[in-house]
Each structure stands twice: as C-alpha cells, then as structure tokens.
Amino acid sequence: MTDLESRRRVVDAPLANPSPTAGLLEVFRRRYLLKLLVRREVNARYQASALGFLWSYINPLSQLFIFWFMMEKIMGRGTESFAIHIFCGLIVVQFFIETFNAGTRSIVRNKALVRKMAVPREMFPVASMMVSLYHIGPQLIVLVIICLFTGWTPDPVSLLGFLLALGIICLLGTGLALMFSVANVFMRDVGSVVSILSNFVRFGVPMIYPFSMVEERLGSFAGYYLLNPIADAVLLVQQAFWVGTTQDPDATQAEHIPDHLFSYGFLGLGVGFVVLVLGQLVFRRFENRIPERL
C-alpha cells in the first residue's frame, strides 16, 4: 500500500459528530451522568438548610393539615375525606407542573453545561422530570400513613392504577418539556406562558371538586372531560387511595369514579407517548441551533 493510498483512506473516512445523536436513548445510556444531574438539582434545593430533606416531608404534611382543617372543619365541604381527595390530586398536579415548568427552563438554566459538554441536550428536561418524580416519594409516604390511620386497605389493582398515573405524567410532562425547553431558548417569554398554562391545570382536573360534579354539570359530555390525560391520572390516584378511606368504598367508587377508568388511563398513556415522540422530533429539529442562541 502506497502512502498516497493510505492518505486517501484517512481522508475518505466518515466524519462522526462528537456530540451524541441518539436522543432520549442516549440519555438513558448515560445513566451515571443523568444521576449526577438529578443529585445536583436535589442538593441545590436543600443547600444551606438546617432540616434539609426533612422539608420534603414537612411541606406535604402541612398541606394535608391545612386541607383537613380549612376544607373539612371550617368550610365543611361535603365530599367525604376531602383533604385526602384533594391531596391525591395535588400529588399528580404538582408532579406535572414541576416537570413542565422546570423542564421548560432546564436548557437555559444549564446553558454553561450545554455550551461546554458534548452530552445529549435532552438530558436536562429528563433530569427535571426525574427530580420531580424523586419528590413524589415523601408525598406518597405521608399519604399512605394518613390513609392507614383511616382504615384504608391497599388494593393491588388500584395501586397498579397509581403506577399508570405516574407513567402518564412522566411521558406527557417530559414530552411537553422537550418541546417548550427548545422554544424557551429562542423566545424567553415561553417560560411565562408555561406558568400561566399551569394555572389552568389545577382547575382542569377533579382535584378541588369531585368528578361526580362534572357529570352533573356536563352530562353526556363528561366523557370529553376524561380525554384529558392529567384528569385521568388524578382519578387513578384517587381510586388507589382516597376511595378506600371513605366509609363505603363501593358506594364512593360508583358515585365519584367513572366507569372504564383504566381504559381512559391507557388512552392517556398513549397520548403521553405520542407527545413524547413529537417532543423528541421538535427538539431534534432545532437542537443544533441551541448553542448559538444561548
């Protein structure tokens, strides 16, 4: 082989992009780096705090007490175990809103790392979702302890519904975070728009009101209400925990939980998957322009 042929082979070799191009798959291949990002976000939240991670238990416990005292004792809401009812919805809503908001701002907030490190940039919205999921643990522990005090008995099928609810929010929140995080790079007003949209989520799900009220007001159109995946996730969590804390769980199930809830839940999971795929496609479409706009 001559030197000229050798040089030609070197020149003809395909050039590889130094940054990863496999998107979300590459994110989970680099689990160690993802873990470091999540740990950094969690530690930053409790930095210079005397009680540290204990606040993750104190905050939900205080919220549950406020709901019980204000809604049940002072306002006398008619829904049985209303504090637990609203707390079940709050777990889902906070998970979604925190994932959506933090994920939208994740690229801009980590612009120094985006510029310097050859990592899949989808890692930052995914890390935001993982941090939000991490903080569900203390909320869930508080909820389970309170439910056990009321005589609640775990139902395996309903608990599977809780996992389905988490899956819906993970897919939907991450997909939206991917789309809006890249949009936030090009137009910083997007972060404020997301905050406004988040306000509507709290009232678009049966959290501060039971689903039976939706059926009373909307009648046959209540089925369209259930096309909202977040509403389905809230109802699945309420079915898993709140229903069992009432005096007559069967009657509560029949009155306040819609029929075929799992079917709507799996439909919501499918919607979340579609949103995730669309979010990945949009993110990949504009990803190469992110560094220059930062």
C-alpha atoms as a PDB file:
ATOM      1  CA  MET A   1       0.000   0.000   0.000  1.00  0.00           C
ATOM      2  CA  THR A   2       1.464   3.349  -1.026  1.00  0.00           C
ATOM      3  CA  ASP A   3       1.492   6.471   1.111  1.00  0.00           C
ATOM      4  CA  LEU A   4      -0.958   8.098  -1.278  1.00  0.00           C
ATOM      5  CA  GLU A   5      -3.459   5.256  -0.875  1.00  0.00           C
ATOM      6  CA  SER A   6      -3.067   5.422   2.888  1.00  0.00           C
ATOM      7  CA  ARG A   7      -3.803   9.138   2.890  1.00  0.00           C
ATOM      8  CA  ARG A   8      -6.848   8.619   0.732  1.00  0.00           C
ATOM      9  CA  ARG A   9      -8.252   6.095   3.158  1.00  0.00           C
ATOM     10  CA  VAL A  10      -7.806   8.524   6.026  1.00  0.00           C
ATOM     11  CA  VAL A  11      -9.413  11.338   4.062  1.00  0.00           C
ATOM     12  CA  ASP A  12     -12.282   9.148   2.878  1.00  0.00           C
ATOM     13  CA  ALA A  13     -13.132   8.008   6.428  1.00  0.00           C
ATOM     14  CA  PRO A  14     -16.571   9.211   7.525  1.00  0.00           C
ATOM     15  CA  LEU A  15     -16.600  12.098   9.961  1.00  0.00           C
ATOM     16  CA  ALA A  16     -18.516  11.494  13.174  1.00  0.00           C
ATOM     17  CA  ASN A  17     -20.312  14.153  15.143  1.00  0.00           C
ATOM     18  CA  PRO A  18     -18.581  14.446  18.558  1.00  0.00           C
ATOM     19  CA  SER A  19     -21.914  15.072  20.256  1.00  0.00           C
ATOM     20  CA  PRO A  20     -24.398  12.204  20.733  1.00  0.00           C
ATOM     21  CA  THR A  21     -27.234  11.924  18.241  1.00  0.00           C
ATOM     22  CA  ALA A  22     -29.386   9.148  19.700  1.00  0.00           C
ATOM     23  CA  GLY A  23     -31.689  11.471  21.626  1.00  0.00           C
ATOM     24  CA  LEU A  24     -33.549  10.010  24.601  1.00  0.00           C
ATOM     25  CA  LEU A  25     -31.938   6.597  24.138  1.00  0.00           C
ATOM     26  CA  GLU A  26     -28.520   8.182  24.617  1.00  0.00           C
ATOM     27  CA  VAL A  27     -29.773   9.918  27.769  1.00  0.00           C
ATOM     28  CA  PHE A  28     -30.502   6.604  29.455  1.00  0.00           C
ATOM     29  CA  ARG A  29     -27.287   5.059  28.170  1.00  0.00           C
ATOM     30  CA  ARG A  30     -25.523   7.766  30.162  1.00  0.00           C
ATOM     31  CA  ARG A  31     -27.378   6.993  33.354  1.00  0.00           C
ATOM     32  CA  TYR A  32     -24.425   7.935  35.516  1.00  0.00           C
ATOM     33  CA  LEU A  33     -24.387  11.497  34.177  1.00  0.00           C
ATOM     34  CA  LEU A  34     -28.167  11.705  34.484  1.00  0.00           C
ATOM     35  CA  LYS A  35     -27.868  10.598  38.103  1.00  0.00           C
ATOM     36  CA  LEU A  36     -25.296  13.324  38.768  1.00  0.00           C
ATOM     37  CA  LEU A  37     -27.586  15.985  37.304  1.00  0.00           C
ATOM     38  CA  VAL A  38     -30.525  14.803  39.398  1.00  0.00           C
ATOM     39  CA  ARG A  39     -28.405  14.703  42.548  1.00  0.00           C
ATOM     40  CA  ARG A  40     -27.117  18.207  41.852  1.00  0.00           C
ATOM     41  CA  GLU A  41     -30.654  19.561  41.474  1.00  0.00           C
ATOM     42  CA  VAL A  42     -31.858  17.859  44.660  1.00  0.00           C
ATOM     43  CA  ASN A  43     -28.871  19.044  46.694  1.00  0.00           C
ATOM     44  CA  ALA A  44     -29.230  22.598  45.378  1.00  0.00           C
ATOM     45  CA  ARG A  45     -32.834  22.711  46.589  1.00  0.00           C
ATOM     46  CA  TYR A  46     -31.855  21.990  50.192  1.00  0.00           C
ATOM     47  CA  GLN A  47     -28.482  23.731  50.242  1.00  0.00           C
ATOM     48  CA  ALA A  48     -27.771  25.695  53.450  1.00  0.00           C
ATOM     49  CA  SER A  49     -30.947  24.279  55.023  1.00  0.00           C
ATOM     50  CA  ALA A  50     -30.900  23.141  58.648  1.00  0.00           C
ATOM     51  CA  LEU A  51     -33.565  20.453  58.167  1.00  0.00           C
ATOM     52  CA  GLY A  52     -32.518  19.557  54.641  1.00  0.00           C
ATOM     53  CA  PHE A  53     -34.502  16.702  53.096  1.00  0.00           C
ATOM     54  CA  LEU A  54     -36.942  16.679  56.035  1.00  0.00           C
ATOM     55  CA  TRP A  55     -38.678  19.601  54.364  1.00  0.00           C
ATOM     56  CA  SER A  56     -39.856  17.126  51.721  1.00  0.00           C
ATOM     57  CA  TYR A  57     -41.984  15.548  54.451  1.00  0.00           C
ATOM     58  CA  ILE A  58     -42.898  18.685  56.376  1.00  0.00           C
ATOM     59  CA  ASN A  59     -44.295  20.538  53.355  1.00  0.00           C
ATOM     60  CA  PRO A  60     -46.789  17.862  52.206  1.00  0.00           C
ATOM     61  CA  LEU A  61     -47.781  17.112  55.799  1.00  0.00           C
ATOM     62  CA  SER A  62     -48.522  20.791  56.431  1.00  0.00           C
ATOM     63  CA  GLN A  63     -50.527  20.978  53.191  1.00  0.00           C
ATOM     64  CA  LEU A  64     -52.582  17.959  54.188  1.00  0.00           C
ATOM     65  CA  PHE A  65     -53.262  19.504  57.617  1.00  0.00           C
ATOM     66  CA  ILE A  66     -54.367  22.800  56.032  1.00  0.00           C
ATOM     67  CA  PHE A  67     -56.735  20.982  53.674  1.00  0.00           C
ATOM     68  CA  TRP A  68     -58.200  18.978  56.553  1.00  0.00           C
ATOM     69  CA  PHE A  69     -58.632  21.985  58.847  1.00  0.00           C
ATOM     70  CA  MET A  70     -59.810  24.579  56.318  1.00  0.00           C
ATOM     71  CA  MET A  71     -61.786  22.472  53.872  1.00  0.00           C
ATOM     72  CA  GLU A  72     -63.362  19.949  56.216  1.00  0.00           C
ATOM     73  CA  LYS A  73     -63.549  21.629  59.633  1.00  0.00           C
ATOM     74  CA  ILE A  74     -64.002  25.294  58.693  1.00  0.00           C
ATOM     75  CA  MET A  75     -65.676  25.224  55.278  1.00  0.00           C
ATOM     76  CA  GLY A  76     -67.417  21.897  55.812  1.00  0.00           C
ATOM     77  CA  ARG A  77     -67.005  20.545  52.297  1.00  0.00           C
ATOM     78  CA  GLY A  78     -69.486  17.761  51.603  1.00  0.00           C
ATOM     79  CA  THR A  79     -67.018  15.373  49.954  1.00  0.00           C
ATOM     80  CA  GLU A  80     -66.015  12.661  52.391  1.00  0.00           C
ATOM     81  CA  SER A  81     -62.309  12.652  53.356  1.00  0.00           C
ATOM     82  CA  PHE A  82     -61.937  15.776  51.251  1.00  0.00           C
ATOM     83  CA  ALA A  83     -58.396  16.502  52.486  1.00  0.00           C
ATOM     84  CA  ILE A  84     -57.180  13.158  51.131  1.00  0.00           C
ATOM     85  CA  HIS A  85     -59.203  13.661  47.947  1.00  0.00           C
ATOM     86  CA  ILE A  86     -57.519  16.968  47.170  1.00  0.00           C
ATOM     87  CA  PHE A  87     -54.081  15.744  48.294  1.00  0.00           C
ATOM     88  CA  CYS A  88     -54.258  12.824  45.824  1.00  0.00           C
ATOM     89  CA  GLY A  89     -54.896  15.301  43.035  1.00  0.00           C
ATOM     90  CA  LEU A  90     -52.199  17.622  44.302  1.00  0.00           C
ATOM     91  CA  ILE A  91     -49.539  14.901  44.005  1.00  0.00           C
ATOM     92  CA  VAL A  92     -50.323  14.472  40.301  1.00  0.00           C
ATOM     93  CA  VAL A  93     -50.739  18.180  39.568  1.00  0.00           C
ATOM     94  CA  GLN A  94     -47.520  19.201  41.315  1.00  0.00           C
ATOM     95  CA  PHE A  95     -45.613  16.424  39.554  1.00  0.00           C
ATOM     96  CA  PHE A  96     -46.831  17.613  36.159  1.00  0.00           C
ATOM     97  CA  ILE A  97     -46.437  21.340  36.812  1.00  0.00           C
ATOM     98  CA  GLU A  98     -42.958  20.985  38.283  1.00  0.00           C
ATOM     99  CA  THR A  99     -41.848  18.780  35.382  1.00  0.00           C
ATOM    100  CA  PHE A 100     -43.349  21.151  32.815  1.00  0.00           C
ATOM    101  CA  ASN A 101     -42.033  24.366  34.367  1.00  0.00           C
ATOM    102  CA  ALA A 102     -38.571  23.158  35.395  1.00  0.00           C
ATOM    103  CA  GLY A 103     -38.158  21.240  32.147  1.00  0.00           C
ATOM    104  CA  THR A 104     -39.046  24.300  30.076  1.00  0.00           C
ATOM    105  CA  ARG A 105     -36.308  26.331  31.773  1.00  0.00           C
ATOM    106  CA  SER A 106     -33.781  23.492  32.013  1.00  0.00           C
ATOM    107  CA  ILE A 107     -31.777  24.277  28.845  1.00  0.00           C
ATOM    108  CA  VAL A 108     -31.439  27.994  29.593  1.00  0.00           C
ATOM    109  CA  ARG A 109     -30.688  27.340  33.266  1.00  0.00           C
ATOM    110  CA  ASN A 110     -27.882  24.926  32.343  1.00  0.00           C
ATOM    111  CA  LYS A 111     -26.517  26.909  29.402  1.00  0.00           C
ATOM    112  CA  ALA A 112     -22.931  26.699  30.699  1.00  0.00           C
ATOM    113  CA  LEU A 113     -23.053  22.886  30.563  1.00  0.00           C
ATOM    114  CA  VAL A 114     -24.844  22.927  27.206  1.00  0.00           C
ATOM    115  CA  ARG A 115     -22.064  25.024  25.681  1.00  0.00           C
ATOM    116  CA  LYS A 116     -19.125  23.100  27.130  1.00  0.00           C
ATOM    117  CA  MET A 117     -20.162  19.453  27.336  1.00  0.00           C
ATOM    118  CA  ALA A 118     -20.926  17.069  24.468  1.00  0.00           C
ATOM    119  CA  VAL A 119     -23.951  15.463  26.096  1.00  0.00           C
ATOM    120  CA  PRO A 120     -27.421  14.791  24.714  1.00  0.00           C
ATOM    121  CA  ARG A 121     -29.262  18.010  25.493  1.00  0.00           C
ATOM    122  CA  GLU A 122     -32.476  16.085  26.139  1.00  0.00           C
ATOM    123  CA  MET A 123     -30.797  15.076  29.392  1.00  0.00           C
ATOM    124  CA  PHE A 124     -31.714  18.374  31.054  1.00  0.00           C
ATOM    125  CA  PRO A 125     -35.517  18.162  30.623  1.00  0.00           C
ATOM    126  CA  VAL A 126     -35.369  14.470  31.562  1.00  0.00           C
ATOM    127  CA  ALA A 127     -33.369  15.311  34.699  1.00  0.00           C
ATOM    128  CA  SER A 128     -36.045  17.858  35.655  1.00  0.00           C
ATOM    129  CA  MET A 129     -38.692  15.146  35.381  1.00  0.00           C
ATOM    130  CA  MET A 130     -36.587  12.769  37.493  1.00  0.00           C
ATOM    131  CA  VAL A 131     -36.177  15.406  40.220  1.00  0.00           C
ATOM    132  CA  SER A 132     -39.949  15.919  40.289  1.00  0.00           C
ATOM    133  CA  LEU A 133     -40.507  12.156  40.438  1.00  0.00           C
ATOM    134  CA  TYR A 134     -37.973  11.902  43.263  1.00  0.00           C
ATOM    135  CA  HIS A 135     -40.020  14.296  45.402  1.00  0.00           C
ATOM    136  CA  ILE A 136     -43.172  12.225  44.997  1.00  0.00           C
ATOM    137  CA  GLY A 137     -41.625   9.701  47.408  1.00  0.00           C
ATOM    138  CA  PRO A 138     -42.074  11.797  50.590  1.00  0.00           C
ATOM    139  CA  GLN A 139     -45.571  12.886  49.487  1.00  0.00           C
ATOM    140  CA  LEU A 140     -46.541   9.267  48.912  1.00  0.00           C
ATOM    141  CA  ILE A 141     -45.213   8.192  52.317  1.00  0.00           C
ATOM    142  CA  VAL A 142     -47.240  10.925  54.050  1.00  0.00           C
ATOM    143  CA  LEU A 143     -50.353   9.956  52.072  1.00  0.00           C
ATOM    144  CA  VAL A 144     -50.026   6.229  52.831  1.00  0.00           C
ATOM    145  CA  ILE A 145     -49.523   6.823  56.579  1.00  0.00           C
ATOM    146  CA  ILE A 146     -52.587   9.067  56.788  1.00  0.00           C
ATOM    147  CA  CYS A 147     -54.664   6.612  54.758  1.00  0.00           C
ATOM    148  CA  LEU A 148     -53.648   3.727  57.016  1.00  0.00           C
ATOM    149  CA  PHE A 149     -54.836   5.697  60.037  1.00  0.00           C
ATOM    150  CA  THR A 150     -58.289   5.946  58.434  1.00  0.00           C
ATOM    151  CA  GLY A 151     -58.527   2.179  57.936  1.00  0.00           C
ATOM    152  CA  TRP A 152     -57.504   2.128  54.285  1.00  0.00           C
ATOM    153  CA  THR A 153     -56.588  -1.291  52.876  1.00  0.00           C
ATOM    154  CA  PRO A 154     -54.302  -1.418  49.808  1.00  0.00           C
ATOM    155  CA  ASP A 155     -55.886  -2.812  46.660  1.00  0.00           C
ATOM    156  CA  PRO A 156     -53.313  -4.278  44.219  1.00  0.00           C
ATOM    157  CA  VAL A 157     -55.348  -3.389  41.125  1.00  0.00           C
ATOM    158  CA  SER A 158     -55.848   0.211  42.231  1.00  0.00           C
ATOM    159  CA  LEU A 159     -52.158   0.519  43.092  1.00  0.00           C
ATOM    160  CA  LEU A 160     -51.377  -0.539  39.518  1.00  0.00           C
ATOM    161  CA  GLY A 161     -53.580   2.392  38.546  1.00  0.00           C
ATOM    162  CA  PHE A 162     -51.310   4.650  40.591  1.00  0.00           C
ATOM    163  CA  LEU A 163     -48.308   3.418  38.607  1.00  0.00           C
ATOM    164  CA  LEU A 164     -50.267   4.026  35.403  1.00  0.00           C
ATOM    165  CA  ALA A 165     -50.934   7.592  36.550  1.00  0.00           C
ATOM    166  CA  LEU A 166     -47.219   8.163  37.139  1.00  0.00           C
ATOM    167  CA  GLY A 167     -46.457   6.789  33.672  1.00  0.00           C
ATOM    168  CA  ILE A 168     -48.950   9.181  32.077  1.00  0.00           C
ATOM    169  CA  ILE A 169     -47.398  12.221  33.752  1.00  0.00           C
ATOM    170  CA  CYS A 170     -43.816  11.078  33.081  1.00  0.00           C
ATOM    171  CA  LEU A 171     -44.463  10.755  29.344  1.00  0.00           C
ATOM    172  CA  LEU A 172     -46.700  13.798  28.966  1.00  0.00           C
ATOM    173  CA  GLY A 173     -44.607  16.117  31.146  1.00  0.00           C
ATOM    174  CA  THR A 174     -41.309  15.101  29.545  1.00  0.00           C
ATOM    175  CA  GLY A 175     -42.692  15.425  26.011  1.00  0.00           C
ATOM    176  CA  LEU A 176     -44.019  18.921  26.678  1.00  0.00           C
ATOM    177  CA  ALA A 177     -40.802  19.880  28.481  1.00  0.00           C
ATOM    178  CA  LEU A 178     -38.774  18.857  25.423  1.00  0.00           C
ATOM    179  CA  MET A 179     -40.873  20.989  23.096  1.00  0.00           C
ATOM    180  CA  PHE A 180     -41.106  24.036  25.319  1.00  0.00           C
ATOM    181  CA  SER A 181     -37.485  23.927  26.524  1.00  0.00           C
ATOM    182  CA  VAL A 182     -36.188  24.379  22.993  1.00  0.00           C
ATOM    183  CA  ALA A 183     -38.831  27.066  22.343  1.00  0.00           C
ATOM    184  CA  ASN A 184     -37.702  28.862  25.511  1.00  0.00           C
ATOM    185  CA  VAL A 185     -34.177  29.117  24.076  1.00  0.00           C
ATOM    186  CA  PHE A 186     -35.441  31.148  21.116  1.00  0.00           C
ATOM    187  CA  MET A 187     -38.103  33.139  22.981  1.00  0.00           C
ATOM    188  CA  ARG A 188     -37.778  33.591  26.749  1.00  0.00           C
ATOM    189  CA  ASP A 189     -41.443  34.569  27.057  1.00  0.00           C
ATOM    190  CA  VAL A 190     -42.269  30.874  26.707  1.00  0.00           C
ATOM    191  CA  GLY A 191     -41.384  30.310  30.373  1.00  0.00           C
ATOM    192  CA  SER A 192     -44.006  32.847  31.453  1.00  0.00           C
ATOM    193  CA  VAL A 193     -46.583  31.320  29.112  1.00  0.00           C
ATOM    194  CA  VAL A 194     -45.970  27.908  30.662  1.00  0.00           C
ATOM    195  CA  SER A 195     -46.522  29.352  34.152  1.00  0.00           C
ATOM    196  CA  ILE A 196     -49.893  30.729  33.032  1.00  0.00           C
ATOM    197  CA  LEU A 197     -50.884  27.447  31.392  1.00  0.00           C
ATOM    198  CA  SER A 198     -50.002  25.638  34.612  1.00  0.00           C
ATOM    199  CA  ASN A 199     -52.625  27.677  36.474  1.00  0.00           C
ATOM    200  CA  PHE A 200     -55.351  26.159  34.304  1.00  0.00           C
ATOM    201  CA  VAL A 201     -54.200  22.611  35.090  1.00  0.00           C
ATOM    202  CA  ARG A 202     -55.305  22.898  38.723  1.00  0.00           C
ATOM    203  CA  PHE A 203     -58.895  23.605  37.691  1.00  0.00           C
ATOM    204  CA  GLY A 204     -58.986  21.287  34.699  1.00  0.00           C
ATOM    205  CA  VAL A 205     -58.773  18.156  36.861  1.00  0.00           C
ATOM    206  CA  PRO A 206     -61.084  16.803  39.608  1.00  0.00           C
ATOM    207  CA  MET A 207     -58.872  17.919  42.468  1.00  0.00           C
ATOM    208  CA  ILE A 208     -60.811  20.638  44.313  1.00  0.00           C
ATOM    209  CA  TYR A 209     -64.120  19.162  43.155  1.00  0.00           C
ATOM    210  CA  PRO A 210     -65.234  15.532  42.675  1.00  0.00           C
ATOM    211  CA  PHE A 211     -65.773  14.015  39.242  1.00  0.00           C
ATOM    212  CA  SER A 212     -69.447  13.459  40.103  1.00  0.00           C
ATOM    213  CA  MET A 213     -69.877  17.243  39.901  1.00  0.00           C
ATOM    214  CA  VAL A 214     -68.511  17.183  36.353  1.00  0.00           C
ATOM    215  CA  GLU A 215     -71.046  14.521  35.410  1.00  0.00           C
ATOM    216  CA  GLU A 216     -73.851  16.580  36.964  1.00  0.00           C
ATOM    217  CA  ARG A 217     -72.894  19.730  35.043  1.00  0.00           C
ATOM    218  CA  LEU A 218     -71.799  18.241  31.720  1.00  0.00           C
ATOM    219  CA  GLY A 219     -73.954  15.133  31.485  1.00  0.00           C
ATOM    220  CA  SER A 220     -73.064  13.057  28.437  1.00  0.00           C
ATOM    221  CA  PHE A 221     -70.220  15.470  27.613  1.00  0.00           C
ATOM    222  CA  ALA A 222     -68.328  14.324  30.716  1.00  0.00           C
ATOM    223  CA  GLY A 223     -66.641  11.729  28.513  1.00  0.00           C
ATOM    224  CA  TYR A 224     -64.805  14.522  26.709  1.00  0.00           C
ATOM    225  CA  TYR A 225     -63.519  15.736  30.065  1.00  0.00           C
ATOM    226  CA  LEU A 226     -61.855  12.359  30.511  1.00  0.00           C
ATOM    227  CA  LEU A 227     -59.869  12.852  27.320  1.00  0.00           C
ATOM    228  CA  ASN A 228     -57.580  14.992  29.479  1.00  0.00           C
ATOM    229  CA  PRO A 229     -54.748  12.584  30.485  1.00  0.00           C
ATOM    230  CA  ILE A 230     -53.971  14.606  33.623  1.00  0.00           C
ATOM    231  CA  ALA A 231     -57.576  14.271  34.808  1.00  0.00           C
ATOM    232  CA  ASP A 232     -57.368  10.508  34.254  1.00  0.00           C
ATOM    233  CA  ALA A 233     -54.141  10.380  36.293  1.00  0.00           C
ATOM    234  CA  VAL A 234     -55.772  12.277  39.168  1.00  0.00           C
ATOM    235  CA  LEU A 235     -58.755   9.914  39.189  1.00  0.00           C
ATOM    236  CA  LEU A 236     -56.488   6.864  39.149  1.00  0.00           C
ATOM    237  CA  VAL A 237     -54.633   8.131  42.231  1.00  0.00           C
ATOM    238  CA  GLN A 238     -57.913   8.958  43.990  1.00  0.00           C
ATOM    239  CA  GLN A 239     -59.160   5.463  43.214  1.00  0.00           C
ATOM    240  CA  ALA A 240     -55.973   3.968  44.645  1.00  0.00           C
ATOM    241  CA  PHE A 241     -56.022   5.907  47.921  1.00  0.00           C
ATOM    242  CA  TRP A 242     -58.992   8.184  48.575  1.00  0.00           C
ATOM    243  CA  VAL A 243     -61.796   5.715  47.781  1.00  0.00           C
ATOM    244  CA  GLY A 244     -60.552   3.264  50.410  1.00  0.00           C
ATOM    245  CA  THR A 245     -60.594   5.919  53.157  1.00  0.00           C
ATOM    246  CA  THR A 246     -64.346   6.538  52.887  1.00  0.00           C
ATOM    247  CA  GLN A 247     -66.948   4.733  54.977  1.00  0.00           C
ATOM    248  CA  ASP A 248     -68.421   2.870  51.987  1.00  0.00           C
ATOM    249  CA  PRO A 249     -65.710   2.454  49.318  1.00  0.00           C
ATOM    250  CA  ASP A 250     -68.038   0.632  46.904  1.00  0.00           C
ATOM    251  CA  ALA A 251     -70.579   3.449  47.009  1.00  0.00           C
ATOM    252  CA  THR A 252     -67.825   6.066  46.626  1.00  0.00           C
ATOM    253  CA  GLN A 253     -66.398   4.168  43.656  1.00  0.00           C
ATOM    254  CA  ALA A 254     -69.806   4.026  41.977  1.00  0.00           C
ATOM    255  CA  GLU A 255     -70.605   7.695  42.609  1.00  0.00           C
ATOM    256  CA  HIS A 256     -67.310   9.504  42.089  1.00  0.00           C
ATOM    257  CA  ILE A 257     -65.106   7.282  39.882  1.00  0.00           C
ATOM    258  CA  PRO A 258     -66.070   6.939  36.200  1.00  0.00           C
ATOM    259  CA  ASP A 259     -66.572   3.581  34.560  1.00  0.00           C
ATOM    260  CA  HIS A 260     -63.773   2.182  32.399  1.00  0.00           C
ATOM    261  CA  LEU A 261     -61.223   4.435  34.116  1.00  0.00           C
ATOM    262  CA  PHE A 262     -58.357   2.112  33.222  1.00  0.00           C
ATOM    263  CA  SER A 263     -59.325   2.308  29.548  1.00  0.00           C
ATOM    264  CA  TYR A 264     -59.136   6.092  29.717  1.00  0.00           C
ATOM    265  CA  GLY A 265     -55.859   5.736  31.610  1.00  0.00           C
ATOM    266  CA  PHE A 266     -54.251   3.616  28.908  1.00  0.00           C
ATOM    267  CA  LEU A 267     -55.569   6.050  26.307  1.00  0.00           C
ATOM    268  CA  GLY A 268     -53.892   8.846  28.286  1.00  0.00           C
ATOM    269  CA  LEU A 269     -50.686   6.803  28.353  1.00  0.00           C
ATOM    270  CA  GLY A 270     -50.855   6.529  24.571  1.00  0.00           C
ATOM    271  CA  VAL A 271     -51.383  10.270  24.264  1.00  0.00           C
ATOM    272  CA  GLY A 272     -48.379  10.836  26.514  1.00  0.00           C
ATOM    273  CA  PHE A 273     -46.241   8.579  24.329  1.00  0.00           C
ATOM    274  CA  VAL A 274     -47.304  10.449  21.177  1.00  0.00           C
ATOM    275  CA  VAL A 275     -46.488  13.786  22.852  1.00  0.00           C
ATOM    276  CA  LEU A 276     -43.091  12.408  23.885  1.00  0.00           C
ATOM    277  CA  VAL A 277     -42.294  11.349  20.306  1.00  0.00           C
ATOM    278  CA  LEU A 278     -43.402  14.737  18.965  1.00  0.00           C
ATOM    279  CA  GLY A 279     -41.353  16.472  21.630  1.00  0.00           C
ATOM    280  CA  GLN A 280     -38.280  14.484  20.649  1.00  0.00           C
ATOM    281  CA  LEU A 281     -38.799  15.298  16.947  1.00  0.00           C
ATOM    282  CA  VAL A 282     -39.216  19.025  17.628  1.00  0.00           C
ATOM    283  CA  PHE A 283     -36.202  19.034  19.928  1.00  0.00           C
ATOM    284  CA  ARG A 284     -34.002  17.289  17.367  1.00  0.00           C
ATOM    285  CA  ARG A 285     -35.203  19.659  14.651  1.00  0.00           C
ATOM    286  CA  PHE A 286     -33.887  22.763  16.443  1.00  0.00           C
ATOM    287  CA  GLU A 287     -31.172  21.264  18.662  1.00  0.00           C
ATOM    288  CA  ASN A 288     -28.205  22.323  16.522  1.00  0.00           C
ATOM    289  CA  ARG A 289     -29.234  25.968  16.810  1.00  0.00           C
ATOM    290  CA  ILE A 290     -29.390  25.926  20.614  1.00  0.00           C
ATOM    291  CA  PRO A 291     -25.703  26.786  21.398  1.00  0.00           C
ATOM    292  CA  GLU A 292     -25.637  29.841  19.127  1.00  0.00           C
ATOM    293  CA  ARG A 293     -28.849  31.210  20.672  1.00  0.00           C
ATOM    294  CA  LEU A 294     -27.578  30.729  24.224  1.00  0.00           C
END
